């Protein structure tokens, strides 16, 4: 997490203990959908399937936060916010969003 994120936001994300600038998260990275399958599945369905896998990961490895990155496009920002992610930061030209498990 870079220094542009406020201590208040870091405290909310971390939730307990000493304030750290490094918080372990599960990183989805970037999602994409092949145009060939545009009408066969939705981004929401893909996220639901990912979160089923993340629940298994969380059971074995722990963790409370998920981060996803995307290009700076309004439709992508809207998609992630509609699906429960909060904007975290702009880093290396990508928007990063975070969601508590």
Protein backbone atom coordinates (compact mmCIF):
# COMPACT_ATOMS: atom_id res chain seq x y z
CA UNK A 1 0.00 0.00 0.00
CA UNK A 2 1.53 3.30 -0.94
CA UNK A 3 1.76 6.34 1.30
CA UNK A 4 -1.10 8.14 -0.47
CA UNK A 5 -3.62 6.04 1.48
CA UNK A 6 -4.62 7.72 4.71
CA UNK A 7 -3.85 6.18 8.08
CA UNK A 8 -7.60 6.21 8.80
CA UNK A 9 -8.29 4.06 5.74
CA UNK A 10 -5.40 1.73 6.63
CA UNK A 11 -6.84 1.33 10.16
CA UNK A 12 -10.27 0.47 8.73
CA UNK A 13 -8.80 -2.10 6.37
CA UNK A 14 -6.48 -3.63 8.92
CA UNK A 15 -9.07 -3.68 11.67
CA UNK A 16 -6.80 -4.38 14.63
CA UNK A 17 -3.30 -4.22 16.11
CA UNK A 18 -0.35 -2.06 15.21
CA UNK A 19 -0.74 0.03 12.06
CA UNK A 20 1.17 -1.57 9.20
CA UNK A 21 1.55 -0.35 5.63
CA UNK A 22 1.69 -3.96 4.46
CA UNK A 23 -1.60 -5.84 4.74
CA UNK A 24 -1.92 -9.38 3.38
CA UNK A 25 -4.66 -9.68 0.77
CA UNK A 26 -5.84 -12.13 -1.84
CA UNK A 27 -5.08 -10.56 -5.22
CA UNK A 28 -7.40 -11.36 -8.09
CA UNK A 29 -5.37 -9.21 -10.48
CA UNK A 30 -7.37 -8.41 -13.58
CA UNK A 31 -10.51 -10.12 -14.82
CA UNK A 32 -11.31 -10.46 -18.47
CA UNK A 33 -13.89 -12.12 -20.64
CA UNK A 34 -13.36 -13.38 -24.15
CA UNK A 35 -15.65 -11.51 -26.58
CA UNK A 36 -16.65 -14.87 -28.04
CA UNK A 37 -18.49 -15.61 -24.77
CA UNK A 38 -19.91 -12.11 -24.25
CA UNK A 39 -23.54 -13.28 -24.20
CA UNK A 40 -22.95 -16.63 -22.48
CA UNK A 41 -21.82 -15.41 -19.06
CA UNK A 42 -21.69 -12.23 -17.03
CA UNK A 43 -18.92 -10.53 -15.10
CA UNK A 44 -21.04 -10.91 -11.97
CA UNK A 45 -21.17 -14.70 -12.50
CA UNK A 46 -17.39 -14.82 -12.97
CA UNK A 47 -16.91 -12.91 -9.69
CA UNK A 48 -19.31 -15.28 -7.89
CA UNK A 49 -17.26 -18.27 -9.07
CA UNK A 50 -14.01 -16.59 -8.04
CA UNK A 51 -15.39 -15.92 -4.56
CA UNK A 52 -16.33 -19.60 -4.17
CA UNK A 53 -12.65 -20.42 -4.73
CA UNK A 54 -11.52 -17.57 -2.46
CA UNK A 55 -13.70 -18.94 0.35
CA UNK A 56 -11.76 -22.22 0.14
CA UNK A 57 -8.45 -20.35 0.11
CA UNK A 58 -9.55 -18.32 3.13
CA UNK A 59 -10.46 -21.49 5.02
CA UNK A 60 -6.92 -22.86 4.62
CA UNK A 61 -4.79 -19.72 4.48
CA UNK A 62 -6.81 -17.02 6.24
CA UNK A 63 -7.09 -13.45 5.06
CA UNK A 64 -9.87 -10.91 5.15
CA UNK A 65 -9.37 -8.74 2.08
CA UNK A 66 -9.47 -9.17 -1.70
CA UNK A 67 -7.87 -6.74 -4.15
CA UNK A 68 -8.60 -6.45 -7.86
CA UNK A 69 -6.93 -4.22 -10.44
CA UNK A 70 -8.36 -2.79 -13.65
CA UNK A 71 -7.72 -0.20 -16.29
CA UNK A 72 -8.91 3.34 -15.71
CA UNK A 73 -12.29 3.03 -17.41
CA UNK A 74 -15.57 4.28 -15.93
CA UNK A 75 -17.47 1.10 -16.89
CA UNK A 76 -14.93 -1.06 -15.04
CA UNK A 77 -15.00 1.20 -11.99
CA UNK A 78 -18.81 1.04 -11.96
CA UNK A 79 -18.75 -2.75 -12.32
CA UNK A 80 -16.50 -3.31 -9.31
CA UNK A 81 -18.31 -0.77 -7.14
CA UNK A 82 -21.67 -2.38 -8.02
CA UNK A 83 -20.21 -5.69 -6.89
CA UNK A 84 -19.17 -4.53 -3.44
CA UNK A 85 -15.60 -3.34 -4.03
CA UNK A 86 -14.35 0.01 -2.73
CA UNK A 87 -11.80 2.13 -4.57
CA UNK A 88 -8.41 1.85 -2.87
CA UNK A 89 -5.83 3.62 -5.01
CA UNK A 90 -4.40 4.29 -8.44
CA UNK A 91 -1.09 2.46 -8.75
CA UNK A 92 1.13 2.03 -11.81
CA UNK A 93 -1.69 3.20 -14.07
CA UNK A 94 -4.26 0.74 -12.70
CA UNK A 95 -7.21 1.32 -10.41
CA UNK A 96 -7.16 -0.94 -7.37
CA UNK A 97 -10.33 -1.92 -5.54
CA UNK A 98 -10.65 -3.77 -2.26
CA UNK A 99 -13.39 -5.90 -0.70
CA UNK A 100 -13.65 -7.34 2.80
CA UNK A 101 -14.47 -11.03 2.98
